[in-house]
Amino acid sequence: MVQDYVGQHPLTTVTVNVFPAHRVTHVDYYDDDGETYAYQHGDYFLQRLSIKALRHSSRLEVGARRGSYRPALENYLFAVHGVSARAVTVHGHSVRRVANGNALARCLRACRPPLARAHLGCL
């Protein structure tokens, strides 16, 4: 979703395009209130997202949240390019496959709170 100004729409889903390589690559997702200097005193959100291609799989890690700010973010939607998954697990739990983007959207709406229950499905 495109925003014309900070705070126009709450950003609840962030799509992350990942391209596994044999070395770890990462991006740090950062957010704050966009209006004050409170981030200077720890009121921000920071989370590292990492991916690495292994011999027969890829490992995607979502790091711990840092800072005291809690954004509207509910979901990361990972689009993994260049590999075809036979199975996906999150914290050792199998994640079911969905047929298309519409099915994924329905699943995301049903998984509340999504970040807390990501391992129950919806990927």
PDB file of N, CA and C in Angstrom:
ATOM      1  N   MET A   1       0.839  -1.165   0.000  1.00  0.00           N
ATOM      2  CA  MET A   1       0.000   0.000   0.000  1.00  0.00           C
ATOM      3  C   MET A   1       0.892   1.238   0.000  1.00  0.00           C
ATOM      4  N   VAL A   2       0.615   2.159  -0.864  1.00  0.00           N
ATOM      5  CA  VAL A   2       1.370   3.398  -0.972  1.00  0.00           C
ATOM      6  C   VAL A   2       0.753   4.434  -0.041  1.00  0.00           C
ATOM      7  N   GLN A   3       1.608   5.176   0.648  1.00  0.00           N
ATOM      8  CA  GLN A   3       1.137   6.239   1.521  1.00  0.00           C
ATOM      9  C   GLN A   3       1.636   7.580   1.011  1.00  0.00           C
ATOM     10  N   ASP A   4       0.774   8.579   1.056  1.00  0.00           N
ATOM     11  CA  ASP A   4       1.168   9.923   0.654  1.00  0.00           C
ATOM     12  C   ASP A   4       1.862  10.658   1.798  1.00  0.00           C
ATOM     13  N   TYR A   5       1.603  10.229   3.031  1.00  0.00           N
ATOM     14  CA  TYR A   5       2.251  10.842   4.195  1.00  0.00           C
ATOM     15  C   TYR A   5       2.301   9.825   5.327  1.00  0.00           C
ATOM     16  N   VAL A   6       3.213  10.052   6.266  1.00  0.00           N
ATOM     17  CA  VAL A   6       3.401   9.135   7.399  1.00  0.00           C
ATOM     18  C   VAL A   6       2.092   9.037   8.179  1.00  0.00           C
ATOM     19  N   GLY A   7       1.675   7.809   8.443  1.00  0.00           N
ATOM     20  CA  GLY A   7       0.483   7.587   9.242  1.00  0.00           C
ATOM     21  C   GLY A   7      -0.830   7.617   8.486  1.00  0.00           C
ATOM     22  N   GLN A   8      -0.799   7.767   7.170  1.00  0.00           N
ATOM     23  CA  GLN A   8      -2.036   7.798   6.398  1.00  0.00           C
ATOM     24  C   GLN A   8      -2.823   6.503   6.596  1.00  0.00           C
ATOM     25  N   HIS A   9      -2.144   5.374   6.494  1.00  0.00           N
ATOM     26  CA  HIS A   9      -2.756   4.058   6.687  1.00  0.00           C
ATOM     27  C   HIS A   9      -1.856   3.263   7.629  1.00  0.00           C
ATOM     28  N   PRO A  10      -2.433   2.538   8.573  1.00  0.00           N
ATOM     29  CA  PRO A  10      -1.579   1.671   9.383  1.00  0.00           C
ATOM     30  C   PRO A  10      -1.031   0.536   8.509  1.00  0.00           C
ATOM     31  N   LEU A  11       0.241   0.284   8.604  1.00  0.00           N
ATOM     32  CA  LEU A  11       0.896  -0.762   7.819  1.00  0.00           C
ATOM     33  C   LEU A  11       0.846  -2.049   8.629  1.00  0.00           C
ATOM     34  N   THR A  12      -0.062  -2.969   8.261  1.00  0.00           N
ATOM     35  CA  THR A  12      -0.243  -4.191   9.040  1.00  0.00           C
ATOM     36  C   THR A  12       0.492  -5.388   8.451  1.00  0.00           C
ATOM     37  N   THR A  13       0.787  -5.357   7.145  1.00  0.00           N
ATOM     38  CA  THR A  13       1.524  -6.447   6.497  1.00  0.00           C
ATOM     39  C   THR A  13       2.685  -5.865   5.713  1.00  0.00           C
ATOM     40  N   VAL A  14       3.865  -6.423   5.932  1.00  0.00           N
ATOM     41  CA  VAL A  14       5.051  -6.025   5.186  1.00  0.00           C
ATOM     42  C   VAL A  14       5.460  -7.203   4.315  1.00  0.00           C
ATOM     43  N   THR A  15       5.530  -6.984   2.998  1.00  0.00           N
ATOM     44  CA  THR A  15       5.980  -8.018   2.082  1.00  0.00           C
ATOM     45  C   THR A  15       7.489  -7.930   1.957  1.00  0.00           C
ATOM     46  N   VAL A  16       8.156  -9.057   2.186  1.00  0.00           N
ATOM     47  CA  VAL A  16       9.612  -9.126   2.127  1.00  0.00           C
ATOM     48  C   VAL A  16       9.995 -10.101   1.020  1.00  0.00           C
ATOM     49  N   ASN A  17      10.634  -9.605  -0.026  1.00  0.00           N
ATOM     50  CA  ASN A  17      11.139 -10.456  -1.107  1.00  0.00           C
ATOM     51  C   ASN A  17      12.525 -10.931  -0.711  1.00  0.00           C
ATOM     52  N   VAL A  18      12.699 -12.243  -0.642  1.00  0.00           N
ATOM     53  CA  VAL A  18      13.993 -12.794  -0.222  1.00  0.00           C
ATOM     54  C   VAL A  18      14.556 -13.690  -1.316  1.00  0.00           C
ATOM     55  N   PHE A  19      15.875 -13.638  -1.439  1.00  0.00           N
ATOM     56  CA  PHE A  19      16.618 -14.387  -2.444  1.00  0.00           C
ATOM     57  C   PHE A  19      17.727 -15.140  -1.724  1.00  0.00           C
ATOM     58  N   PRO A  20      17.486 -16.397  -1.318  1.00  0.00           N
ATOM     59  CA  PRO A  20      18.483 -17.126  -0.543  1.00  0.00           C
ATOM     60  C   PRO A  20      19.821 -17.239  -1.270  1.00  0.00           C
ATOM     61  N   ALA A  21      20.890 -17.014  -0.527  1.00  0.00           N
ATOM     62  CA  ALA A  21      22.258 -17.162  -1.023  1.00  0.00           C
ATOM     63  C   ALA A  21      23.015 -18.026  -0.020  1.00  0.00           C
ATOM     64  N   HIS A  22      24.208 -18.466  -0.381  1.00  0.00           N
ATOM     65  CA  HIS A  22      24.970 -19.338   0.515  1.00  0.00           C
ATOM     66  C   HIS A  22      25.679 -18.571   1.617  1.00  0.00           C
ATOM     67  N   ARG A  23      25.469 -17.276   1.651  1.00  0.00           N
ATOM     68  CA  ARG A  23      25.933 -16.483   2.789  1.00  0.00           C
ATOM     69  C   ARG A  23      24.699 -15.807   3.378  1.00  0.00           C
ATOM     70  N   VAL A  24      24.744 -15.520   4.646  1.00  0.00           N
ATOM     71  CA  VAL A  24      23.597 -14.895   5.304  1.00  0.00           C
ATOM     72  C   VAL A  24      23.400 -13.488   4.761  1.00  0.00           C
ATOM     73  N   THR A  25      22.173 -13.178   4.390  1.00  0.00           N
ATOM     74  CA  THR A  25      21.809 -11.811   4.038  1.00  0.00           C
ATOM     75  C   THR A  25      20.689 -11.387   4.989  1.00  0.00           C
ATOM     76  N   HIS A  26      20.595 -10.103   5.234  1.00  0.00           N
ATOM     77  CA  HIS A  26      19.579  -9.651   6.174  1.00  0.00           C
ATOM     78  C   HIS A  26      19.107  -8.239   5.842  1.00  0.00           C
ATOM     79  N   VAL A  27      17.977  -7.911   6.432  1.00  0.00           N
ATOM     80  CA  VAL A  27      17.433  -6.562   6.393  1.00  0.00           C
ATOM     81  C   VAL A  27      16.907  -6.280   7.796  1.00  0.00           C
ATOM     82  N   ASP A  28      17.057  -5.053   8.232  1.00  0.00           N
ATOM     83  CA  ASP A  28      16.516  -4.634   9.525  1.00  0.00           C
ATOM     84  C   ASP A  28      15.251  -3.827   9.269  1.00  0.00           C
ATOM     85  N   TYR A  29      14.124  -4.312   9.778  1.00  0.00           N
ATOM     86  CA  TYR A  29      12.867  -3.581   9.650  1.00  0.00           C
ATOM     87  C   TYR A  29      12.776  -2.611  10.816  1.00  0.00           C
ATOM     88  N   TYR A  30      12.604  -1.321  10.502  1.00  0.00           N
ATOM     89  CA  TYR A  30      12.576  -0.265  11.512  1.00  0.00           C
ATOM     90  C   TYR A  30      11.284   0.526  11.385  1.00  0.00           C
ATOM     91  N   ASP A  31      10.737   0.933  12.519  1.00  0.00           N
ATOM     92  CA  ASP A  31       9.562   1.796  12.523  1.00  0.00           C
ATOM     93  C   ASP A  31       9.571   2.617  13.810  1.00  0.00           C
ATOM     94  N   ASP A  32       8.963   3.782  13.748  1.00  0.00           N
ATOM     95  CA  ASP A  32       8.729   4.594  14.936  1.00  0.00           C
ATOM     96  C   ASP A  32       7.486   5.430  14.689  1.00  0.00           C
ATOM     97  N   ASP A  33       7.169   6.352  15.585  1.00  0.00           N
ATOM     98  CA  ASP A  33       5.924   7.103  15.430  1.00  0.00           C
ATOM     99  C   ASP A  33       5.954   8.096  14.272  1.00  0.00           C
ATOM    100  N   GLY A  34       7.123   8.402  13.743  1.00  0.00           N
ATOM    101  CA  GLY A  34       7.239   9.280  12.585  1.00  0.00           C
ATOM    102  C   GLY A  34       6.979  10.742  12.865  1.00  0.00           C
ATOM    103  N   GLU A  35       6.766  11.075  14.125  1.00  0.00           N
ATOM    104  CA  GLU A  35       6.412  12.452  14.453  1.00  0.00           C
ATOM    105  C   GLU A  35       7.302  13.090  15.506  1.00  0.00           C
ATOM    106  N   THR A  36       7.835  12.293  16.424  1.00  0.00           N
ATOM    107  CA  THR A  36       8.575  12.867  17.545  1.00  0.00           C
ATOM    108  C   THR A  36      10.016  12.353  17.552  1.00  0.00           C
ATOM    109  N   TYR A  37      10.760  12.767  18.545  1.00  0.00           N
ATOM    110  CA  TYR A  37      12.126  12.288  18.744  1.00  0.00           C
ATOM    111  C   TYR A  37      12.174  11.184  19.807  1.00  0.00           C
ATOM    112  N   ALA A  38      11.040  10.583  20.090  1.00  0.00           N
ATOM    113  CA  ALA A  38      10.977   9.536  21.115  1.00  0.00           C
ATOM    114  C   ALA A  38      11.893   8.362  20.781  1.00  0.00           C
ATOM    115  N   TYR A  39      12.179   8.134  19.497  1.00  0.00           N
ATOM    116  CA  TYR A  39      13.076   7.040  19.099  1.00  0.00           C
ATOM    117  C   TYR A  39      14.448   7.191  19.749  1.00  0.00           C
ATOM    118  N   GLN A  40      14.843   8.420  20.055  1.00  0.00           N
ATOM    119  CA  GLN A  40      16.141   8.648  20.688  1.00  0.00           C
ATOM    120  C   GLN A  40      16.193   8.086  22.106  1.00  0.00           C
ATOM    121  N   HIS A  41      15.025   7.809  22.662  1.00  0.00           N
ATOM    122  CA  HIS A  41      14.936   7.275  24.024  1.00  0.00           C
ATOM    123  C   HIS A  41      14.397   5.843  24.027  1.00  0.00           C
ATOM    124  N   GLY A  42      14.546   5.150  22.893  1.00  0.00           N
ATOM    125  CA  GLY A  42      14.181   3.733  22.812  1.00  0.00           C
ATOM    126  C   GLY A  42      12.783   3.445  22.332  1.00  0.00           C
ATOM    127  N   ASP A  43      11.993   4.487  21.996  1.00  0.00           N
ATOM    128  CA  ASP A  43      10.641   4.245  21.526  1.00  0.00           C
ATOM    129  C   ASP A  43      10.655   4.056  20.010  1.00  0.00           C
ATOM    130  N   TYR A  44      11.147   2.898  19.598  1.00  0.00           N
ATOM    131  CA  TYR A  44      11.224   2.507  18.191  1.00  0.00           C
ATOM    132  C   TYR A  44      11.000   1.009  18.118  1.00  0.00           C
ATOM    133  N   PHE A  45      10.830   0.492  16.908  1.00  0.00           N
ATOM    134  CA  PHE A  45      10.693  -0.939  16.660  1.00  0.00           C
ATOM    135  C   PHE A  45      11.788  -1.324  15.679  1.00  0.00           C
ATOM    136  N   LEU A  46      12.541  -2.363  16.001  1.00  0.00           N
ATOM    137  CA  LEU A  46      13.604  -2.846  15.122  1.00  0.00           C
ATOM    138  C   LEU A  46      13.616  -4.360  15.187  1.00  0.00           C
ATOM    139  N   GLN A  47      13.635  -4.990  14.014  1.00  0.00           N
ATOM    140  CA  GLN A  47      13.658  -6.450  13.949  1.00  0.00           C
ATOM    141  C   GLN A  47      14.470  -6.877  12.736  1.00  0.00           C
ATOM    142  N   ARG A  48      15.439  -7.756  12.957  1.00  0.00           N
ATOM    143  CA  ARG A  48      16.284  -8.261  11.875  1.00  0.00           C
ATOM    144  C   ARG A  48      15.635  -9.479  11.234  1.00  0.00           C
ATOM    145  N   LEU A  49      15.600  -9.481   9.890  1.00  0.00           N
ATOM    146  CA  LEU A  49      15.103 -10.601   9.102  1.00  0.00           C
ATOM    147  C   LEU A  49      16.291 -11.135   8.314  1.00  0.00           C
ATOM    148  N   SER A  50      16.606 -12.433   8.463  1.00  0.00           N
ATOM    149  CA  SER A  50      17.783 -13.031   7.817  1.00  0.00           C
ATOM    150  C   SER A  50      17.393 -14.259   7.021  1.00  0.00           C
ATOM    151  N   ILE A  51      18.159 -14.515   5.951  1.00  0.00           N
ATOM    152  CA  ILE A  51      17.942 -15.718   5.127  1.00  0.00           C
ATOM    153  C   ILE A  51      19.291 -16.272   4.706  1.00  0.00           C
ATOM    154  N   LYS A  52      19.379 -17.589   4.649  1.00  0.00           N
ATOM    155  CA  LYS A  52      20.585 -18.255   4.157  1.00  0.00           C
ATOM    156  C   LYS A  52      20.179 -19.556   3.484  1.00  0.00           C
ATOM    157  N   ALA A  53      20.749 -19.806   2.312  1.00  0.00           N
ATOM    158  CA  ALA A  53      20.536 -21.085   1.626  1.00  0.00           C
ATOM    159  C   ALA A  53      21.478 -22.110   2.247  1.00  0.00           C
ATOM    160  N   LEU A  54      20.927 -23.244   2.610  1.00  0.00           N
ATOM    161  CA  LEU A  54      21.716 -24.354   3.136  1.00  0.00           C
ATOM    162  C   LEU A  54      21.812 -25.420   2.046  1.00  0.00           C
ATOM    163  N   ARG A  55      22.397 -26.551   2.357  1.00  0.00           N
ATOM    164  CA  ARG A  55      22.602 -27.580   1.334  1.00  0.00           C
ATOM    165  C   ARG A  55      21.295 -28.051   0.699  1.00  0.00           C
ATOM    166  N   HIS A  56      20.307 -28.393   1.534  1.00  0.00           N
ATOM    167  CA  HIS A  56      19.035 -28.897   1.012  1.00  0.00           C
ATOM    168  C   HIS A  56      17.836 -28.079   1.492  1.00  0.00           C
ATOM    169  N   SER A  57      18.082 -26.894   1.983  1.00  0.00           N
ATOM    170  CA  SER A  57      16.987 -26.068   2.488  1.00  0.00           C
ATOM    171  C   SER A  57      17.451 -24.619   2.576  1.00  0.00           C
ATOM    172  N   SER A  58      16.570 -23.787   3.023  1.00  0.00           N
ATOM    173  CA  SER A  58      16.896 -22.397   3.319  1.00  0.00           C
ATOM    174  C   SER A  58      16.431 -22.116   4.729  1.00  0.00           C
ATOM    175  N   ARG A  59      17.151 -21.244   5.413  1.00  0.00           N
ATOM    176  CA  ARG A  59      16.782 -20.894   6.782  1.00  0.00           C
ATOM    177  C   ARG A  59      16.468 -19.405   6.833  1.00  0.00           C
ATOM    178  N   LEU A  60      15.235 -19.095   7.195  1.00  0.00           N
ATOM    179  CA  LEU A  60      14.793 -17.721   7.346  1.00  0.00           C
ATOM    180  C   LEU A  60      14.568 -17.468   8.827  1.00  0.00           C
ATOM    181  N   GLU A  61      15.163 -16.432   9.348  1.00  0.00           N
ATOM    182  CA  GLU A  61      15.029 -16.121  10.769  1.00  0.00           C
ATOM    183  C   GLU A  61      14.449 -14.734  10.960  1.00  0.00           C
ATOM    184  N   VAL A  62      13.529 -14.643  11.890  1.00  0.00           N
ATOM    185  CA  VAL A  62      12.970 -13.364  12.314  1.00  0.00           C
ATOM    186  C   VAL A  62      13.511 -13.124  13.711  1.00  0.00           C
ATOM    187  N   GLY A  63      14.342 -12.105  13.847  1.00  0.00           N
ATOM    188  CA  GLY A  63      14.995 -11.833  15.119  1.00  0.00           C
ATOM    189  C   GLY A  63      14.050 -11.267  16.163  1.00  0.00           C
ATOM    190  N   ALA A  64      14.581 -11.115  17.352  1.00  0.00           N
ATOM    191  CA  ALA A  64      13.810 -10.555  18.459  1.00  0.00           C
ATOM    192  C   ALA A  64      13.478  -9.092  18.185  1.00  0.00           C
ATOM    193  N   ARG A  65      12.362  -8.658  18.692  1.00  0.00           N
ATOM    194  CA  ARG A  65      11.968  -7.252  18.586  1.00  0.00           C
ATOM    195  C   ARG A  65      12.828  -6.425  19.536  1.00  0.00           C
ATOM    196  N   ARG A  66      13.237  -5.263  19.065  1.00  0.00           N
ATOM    197  CA  ARG A  66      13.982  -4.339  19.919  1.00  0.00           C
ATOM    198  C   ARG A  66      13.245  -3.018  19.968  1.00  0.00           C
ATOM    199  N   GLY A  67      13.352  -2.333  21.075  1.00  0.00           N
ATOM    200  CA  GLY A  67      12.693  -1.049  21.266  1.00  0.00           C
ATOM    201  C   GLY A  67      11.320  -1.219  21.878  1.00  0.00           C
ATOM    202  N   SER A  68      10.770  -0.118  22.363  1.00  0.00           N
ATOM    203  CA  SER A  68       9.481  -0.169  23.062  1.00  0.00           C
ATOM    204  C   SER A  68       8.286   0.204  22.183  1.00  0.00           C
ATOM    205  N   TYR A  69       8.525   0.704  20.984  1.00  0.00           N
ATOM    206  CA  TYR A  69       7.430   1.093  20.094  1.00  0.00           C
ATOM    207  C   TYR A  69       6.764  -0.151  19.529  1.00  0.00           C
ATOM    208  N   ARG A  70       5.440  -0.160  19.474  1.00  0.00           N
ATOM    209  CA  ARG A  70       4.693  -1.275  18.897  1.00  0.00           C
ATOM    210  C   ARG A  70       3.913  -0.765  17.685  1.00  0.00           C
ATOM    211  N   PRO A  71       4.401  -1.068  16.490  1.00  0.00           N
ATOM    212  CA  PRO A  71       3.716  -0.611  15.277  1.00  0.00           C
ATOM    213  C   PRO A  71       2.439  -1.401  15.031  1.00  0.00           C
ATOM    214  N   ALA A  72       1.684  -0.991  14.018  1.00  0.00           N
ATOM    215  CA  ALA A  72       0.464  -1.701  13.625  1.00  0.00           C
ATOM    216  C   ALA A  72       0.785  -3.037  12.950  1.00  0.00           C
ATOM    217  N   LEU A  73       2.052  -3.308  12.670  1.00  0.00           N
ATOM    218  CA  LEU A  73       2.491  -4.519  11.978  1.00  0.00           C
ATOM    219  C   LEU A  73       1.919  -5.775  12.625  1.00  0.00           C
ATOM    220  N   GLU A  74       1.289  -6.607  11.794  1.00  0.00           N
ATOM    221  CA  GLU A  74       0.751  -7.885  12.251  1.00  0.00           C
ATOM    222  C   GLU A  74       1.424  -9.062  11.560  1.00  0.00           C
ATOM    223  N   ASN A  75       1.875  -8.864  10.301  1.00  0.00           N
ATOM    224  CA  ASN A  75       2.389  -9.977   9.510  1.00  0.00           C
ATOM    225  C   ASN A  75       3.569  -9.554   8.654  1.00  0.00           C
ATOM    226  N   TYR A  76       4.490 -10.488   8.489  1.00  0.00           N
ATOM    227  CA  TYR A  76       5.463 -10.411   7.410  1.00  0.00           C
ATOM    228  C   TYR A  76       4.986 -11.413   6.369  1.00  0.00           C
ATOM    229  N   LEU A  77       4.981 -11.021   5.132  1.00  0.00           N
ATOM    230  CA  LEU A  77       4.656 -11.920   4.034  1.00  0.00           C
ATOM    231  C   LEU A  77       5.954 -12.135   3.268  1.00  0.00           C
ATOM    232  N   PHE A  78       6.542 -13.322   3.390  1.00  0.00           N
ATOM    233  CA  PHE A  78       7.821 -13.627   2.755  1.00  0.00           C
ATOM    234  C   PHE A  78       7.590 -14.256   1.392  1.00  0.00           C
ATOM    235  N   ALA A  79       8.138 -13.633   0.372  1.00  0.00           N
ATOM    236  CA  ALA A  79       8.125 -14.178  -0.984  1.00  0.00           C
ATOM    237  C   ALA A  79       9.549 -14.658  -1.249  1.00  0.00           C
ATOM    238  N   VAL A  80       9.747 -15.965  -1.222  1.00  0.00           N
ATOM    239  CA  VAL A  80      11.083 -16.550  -1.382  1.00  0.00           C
ATOM    240  C   VAL A  80      11.274 -16.880  -2.857  1.00  0.00           C
ATOM    241  N   HIS A  81      12.293 -16.292  -3.467  1.00  0.00           N
ATOM    242  CA  HIS A  81      12.549 -16.432  -4.897  1.00  0.00           C
ATOM    243  C   HIS A  81      13.712 -17.397  -5.155  1.00  0.00           C
ATOM    244  N   GLY A  82      13.640 -18.107  -6.270  1.00  0.00           N
ATOM    245  CA  GLY A  82      14.751 -18.934  -6.718  1.00  0.00           C
ATOM    246  C   GLY A  82      14.788 -20.343  -6.158  1.00  0.00           C
ATOM    247  N   VAL A  83      13.841 -20.684  -5.291  1.00  0.00           N
ATOM    248  CA  VAL A  83      13.778 -22.043  -4.744  1.00  0.00           C
ATOM    249  C   VAL A  83      12.322 -22.480  -4.727  1.00  0.00           C
ATOM    250  N   SER A  84      12.135 -23.777  -4.736  1.00  0.00           N
ATOM    251  CA  SER A  84      10.796 -24.337  -4.653  1.00  0.00           C
ATOM    252  C   SER A  84      10.712 -25.161  -3.372  1.00  0.00           C
ATOM    253  N   ALA A  85       9.797 -24.810  -2.500  1.00  0.00           N
ATOM    254  CA  ALA A  85       9.697 -25.483  -1.208  1.00  0.00           C
ATOM    255  C   ALA A  85       8.866 -26.758  -1.312  1.00  0.00           C
ATOM    256  N   ARG A  86       9.363 -27.817  -0.709  1.00  0.00           N
ATOM    257  CA  ARG A  86       8.573 -29.043  -0.563  1.00  0.00           C
ATOM    258  C   ARG A  86       7.800 -28.993   0.739  1.00  0.00           C
ATOM    259  N   ALA A  87       8.356 -28.276   1.723  1.00  0.00           N
ATOM    260  CA  ALA A  87       7.717 -28.143   3.033  1.00  0.00           C
ATOM    261  C   ALA A  87       8.254 -26.886   3.703  1.00  0.00           C
ATOM    262  N   VAL A  88       7.426 -26.329   4.580  1.00  0.00           N
ATOM    263  CA  VAL A  88       7.828 -25.167   5.369  1.00  0.00           C
ATOM    264  C   VAL A  88       7.507 -25.471   6.815  1.00  0.00           C
ATOM    265  N   THR A  89       8.447 -25.186   7.700  1.00  0.00           N
ATOM    266  CA  THR A  89       8.203 -25.335   9.126  1.00  0.00           C
ATOM    267  C   THR A  89       8.552 -24.028   9.830  1.00  0.00           C
ATOM    268  N   VAL A  90       7.820 -23.758  10.896  1.00  0.00           N
ATOM    269  CA  VAL A  90       8.078 -22.608  11.755  1.00  0.00           C
ATOM    270  C   VAL A  90       8.132 -23.142  13.172  1.00  0.00           C
ATOM    271  N   HIS A  91       9.277 -22.982  13.811  1.00  0.00           N
ATOM    272  CA  HIS A  91       9.491 -23.507  15.167  1.00  0.00           C
ATOM    273  C   HIS A  91       9.147 -24.995  15.243  1.00  0.00           C
ATOM    274  N   GLY A  92       9.494 -25.730  14.190  1.00  0.00           N
ATOM    275  CA  GLY A  92       9.267 -27.172  14.172  1.00  0.00           C
ATOM    276  C   GLY A  92       7.865 -27.602  13.782  1.00  0.00           C
ATOM    277  N   HIS A  93       6.955 -26.668  13.549  1.00  0.00           N
ATOM    278  CA  HIS A  93       5.581 -27.000  13.169  1.00  0.00           C
ATOM    279  C   HIS A  93       5.419 -26.835  11.655  1.00  0.00           C
ATOM    280  N   SER A  94       4.776 -27.786  11.020  1.00  0.00           N
ATOM    281  CA  SER A  94       4.512 -27.689   9.583  1.00  0.00           C
ATOM    282  C   SER A  94       3.533 -26.571   9.304  1.00  0.00           C
ATOM    283  N   VAL A  95       3.763 -25.872   8.222  1.00  0.00           N
ATOM    284  CA  VAL A  95       2.888 -24.784   7.795  1.00  0.00           C
ATOM    285  C   VAL A  95       2.177 -25.257   6.540  1.00  0.00           C
ATOM    286  N   ARG A  96       0.877 -25.097   6.507  1.00  0.00           N
ATOM    287  CA  ARG A  96       0.121 -25.600   5.364  1.00  0.00           C
ATOM    288  C   ARG A  96       0.255 -24.668   4.169  1.00  0.00           C
ATOM    289  N   ARG A  97       0.155 -25.246   3.003  1.00  0.00           N
ATOM    290  CA  ARG A  97       0.220 -24.509   1.739  1.00  0.00           C
ATOM    291  C   ARG A  97      -1.160 -23.939   1.428  1.00  0.00           C
ATOM    292  N   VAL A  98      -1.176 -22.731   0.871  1.00  0.00           N
ATOM    293  CA  VAL A  98      -2.431 -22.150   0.393  1.00  0.00           C
ATOM    294  C   VAL A  98      -2.348 -22.029  -1.119  1.00  0.00           C
ATOM    295  N   ALA A  99      -3.509 -22.015  -1.779  1.00  0.00           N
ATOM    296  CA  ALA A  99      -3.564 -22.088  -3.238  1.00  0.00           C
ATOM    297  C   ALA A  99      -3.144 -20.806  -3.947  1.00  0.00           C
ATOM    298  N   ASN A 100      -3.455 -19.653  -3.346  1.00  0.00           N
ATOM    299  CA  ASN A 100      -3.189 -18.391  -4.036  1.00  0.00           C
ATOM    300  C   ASN A 100      -3.226 -17.236  -3.041  1.00  0.00           C
ATOM    301  N   GLY A 101      -3.056 -16.030  -3.547  1.00  0.00           N
ATOM    302  CA  GLY A 101      -3.030 -14.851  -2.703  1.00  0.00           C
ATOM    303  C   GLY A 101      -4.328 -14.603  -1.956  1.00  0.00           C
ATOM    304  N   ASN A 102      -5.462 -14.898  -2.589  1.00  0.00           N
ATOM    305  CA  ASN A 102      -6.752 -14.726  -1.909  1.00  0.00           C
ATOM    306  C   ASN A 102      -6.886 -15.681  -0.734  1.00  0.00           C
ATOM    307  N   ALA A 103      -6.464 -16.927  -0.923  1.00  0.00           N
ATOM    308  CA  ALA A 103      -6.520 -17.897   0.166  1.00  0.00           C
ATOM    309  C   ALA A 103      -5.588 -17.482   1.301  1.00  0.00           C
ATOM    310  N   LEU A 104      -4.447 -16.948   0.943  1.00  0.00           N
ATOM    311  CA  LEU A 104      -3.517 -16.467   1.962  1.00  0.00           C
ATOM    312  C   LEU A 104      -4.131 -15.312   2.745  1.00  0.00           C
ATOM    313  N   ALA A 105      -4.772 -14.383   2.066  1.00  0.00           N
ATOM    314  CA  ALA A 105      -5.408 -13.253   2.746  1.00  0.00           C
ATOM    315  C   ALA A 105      -6.474 -13.732   3.726  1.00  0.00           C
ATOM    316  N   ARG A 106      -7.278 -14.716   3.319  1.00  0.00           N
ATOM    317  CA  ARG A 106      -8.294 -15.276   4.223  1.00  0.00           C
ATOM    318  C   ARG A 106      -7.640 -15.915   5.434  1.00  0.00           C
ATOM    319  N   CYS A 107      -6.564 -16.623   5.192  1.00  0.00           N
ATOM    320  CA  CYS A 107      -5.861 -17.295   6.273  1.00  0.00           C
ATOM    321  C   CYS A 107      -5.274 -16.278   7.253  1.00  0.00           C
ATOM    322  N   LEU A 108      -4.684 -15.215   6.725  1.00  0.00           N
ATOM    323  CA  LEU A 108      -4.102 -14.188   7.590  1.00  0.00           C
ATOM    324  C   LEU A 108      -5.163 -13.529   8.452  1.00  0.00           C
ATOM    325  N   ARG A 109      -6.342 -13.289   7.896  1.00  0.00           N
ATOM    326  CA  ARG A 109      -7.427 -12.692   8.685  1.00  0.00           C
ATOM    327  C   ARG A 109      -7.861 -13.632   9.801  1.00  0.00           C
ATOM    328  N   ALA A 110      -7.796 -14.933   9.555  1.00  0.00           N
ATOM    329  CA  ALA A 110      -8.244 -15.914  10.540  1.00  0.00           C
ATOM    330  C   ALA A 110      -7.217 -16.148  11.645  1.00  0.00           C
ATOM    331  N   CYS A 111      -5.963 -15.885  11.393  1.00  0.00           N
ATOM    332  CA  CYS A 111      -4.893 -16.141  12.366  1.00  0.00           C
ATOM    333  C   CYS A 111      -4.652 -14.901  13.209  1.00  0.00           C
ATOM    334  N   ARG A 112      -5.395 -14.713  14.278  1.00  0.00           N
ATOM    335  CA  ARG A 112      -5.230 -13.556  15.146  1.00  0.00           C
ATOM    336  C   ARG A 112      -4.786 -14.018  16.519  1.00  0.00           C
ATOM    337  N   PRO A 113      -3.794 -13.432  17.148  1.00  0.00           N
ATOM    338  CA  PRO A 113      -2.880 -12.446  16.573  1.00  0.00           C
ATOM    339  C   PRO A 113      -1.844 -13.133  15.699  1.00  0.00           C
ATOM    340  N   PRO A 114      -1.632 -12.680  14.471  1.00  0.00           N
ATOM    341  CA  PRO A 114      -0.809 -13.380  13.496  1.00  0.00           C
ATOM    342  C   PRO A 114       0.624 -13.611  13.931  1.00  0.00           C
ATOM    343  N   LEU A 115       1.289 -12.601  14.485  1.00  0.00           N
ATOM    344  CA  LEU A 115       2.698 -12.783  14.846  1.00  0.00           C
ATOM    345  C   LEU A 115       2.853 -13.823  15.949  1.00  0.00           C
ATOM    346  N   ALA A 116       1.896 -13.899  16.833  1.00  0.00           N
ATOM    347  CA  ALA A 116       1.978 -14.855  17.922  1.00  0.00           C
ATOM    348  C   ALA A 116       1.642 -16.271  17.487  1.00  0.00           C
ATOM    349  N   ARG A 117       0.840 -16.407  16.404  1.00  0.00           N
ATOM    350  CA  ARG A 117       0.368 -17.723  15.992  1.00  0.00           C
ATOM    351  C   ARG A 117       0.842 -18.123  14.612  1.00  0.00           C
ATOM    352  N   ALA A 118       1.923 -17.550  14.126  1.00  0.00           N
ATOM    353  CA  ALA A 118       2.380 -17.825  12.762  1.00  0.00           C
ATOM    354  C   ALA A 118       2.632 -19.306  12.557  1.00  0.00           C
ATOM    355  N   HIS A 119       3.054 -20.028  13.592  1.00  0.00           N
ATOM    356  CA  HIS A 119       3.378 -21.434  13.422  1.00  0.00           C
ATOM    357  C   HIS A 119       2.143 -22.315  13.237  1.00  0.00           C
ATOM    358  N   LEU A 120       0.959 -21.777  13.384  1.00  0.00           N
ATOM    359  CA  LEU A 120      -0.258 -22.576  13.239  1.00  0.00           C
ATOM    360  C   LEU A 120      -0.706 -22.716  11.793  1.00  0.00           C
ATOM    361  N   GLY A 121      -0.058 -22.030  10.904  1.00  0.00           N
ATOM    362  CA  GLY A 121      -0.442 -22.106   9.504  1.00  0.00           C
ATOM    363  C   GLY A 121      -0.355 -20.734   8.865  1.00  0.00           C
ATOM    364  N   CYS A 122      -1.026 -20.583   7.779  1.00  0.00           N
ATOM    365  CA  CYS A 122      -1.152 -19.296   7.114  1.00  0.00           C
ATOM    366  C   CYS A 122       0.088 -18.860   6.336  1.00  0.00           C
ATOM    367  N   LEU A 123       0.895 -19.769   5.887  1.00  0.00           N
ATOM    368  CA  LEU A 123       1.999 -19.358   5.019  1.00  0.00           C
ATOM    369  C   LEU A 123       1.878 -20.115   3.716  1.00  0.00           C
TER     370      LEU A 123
END
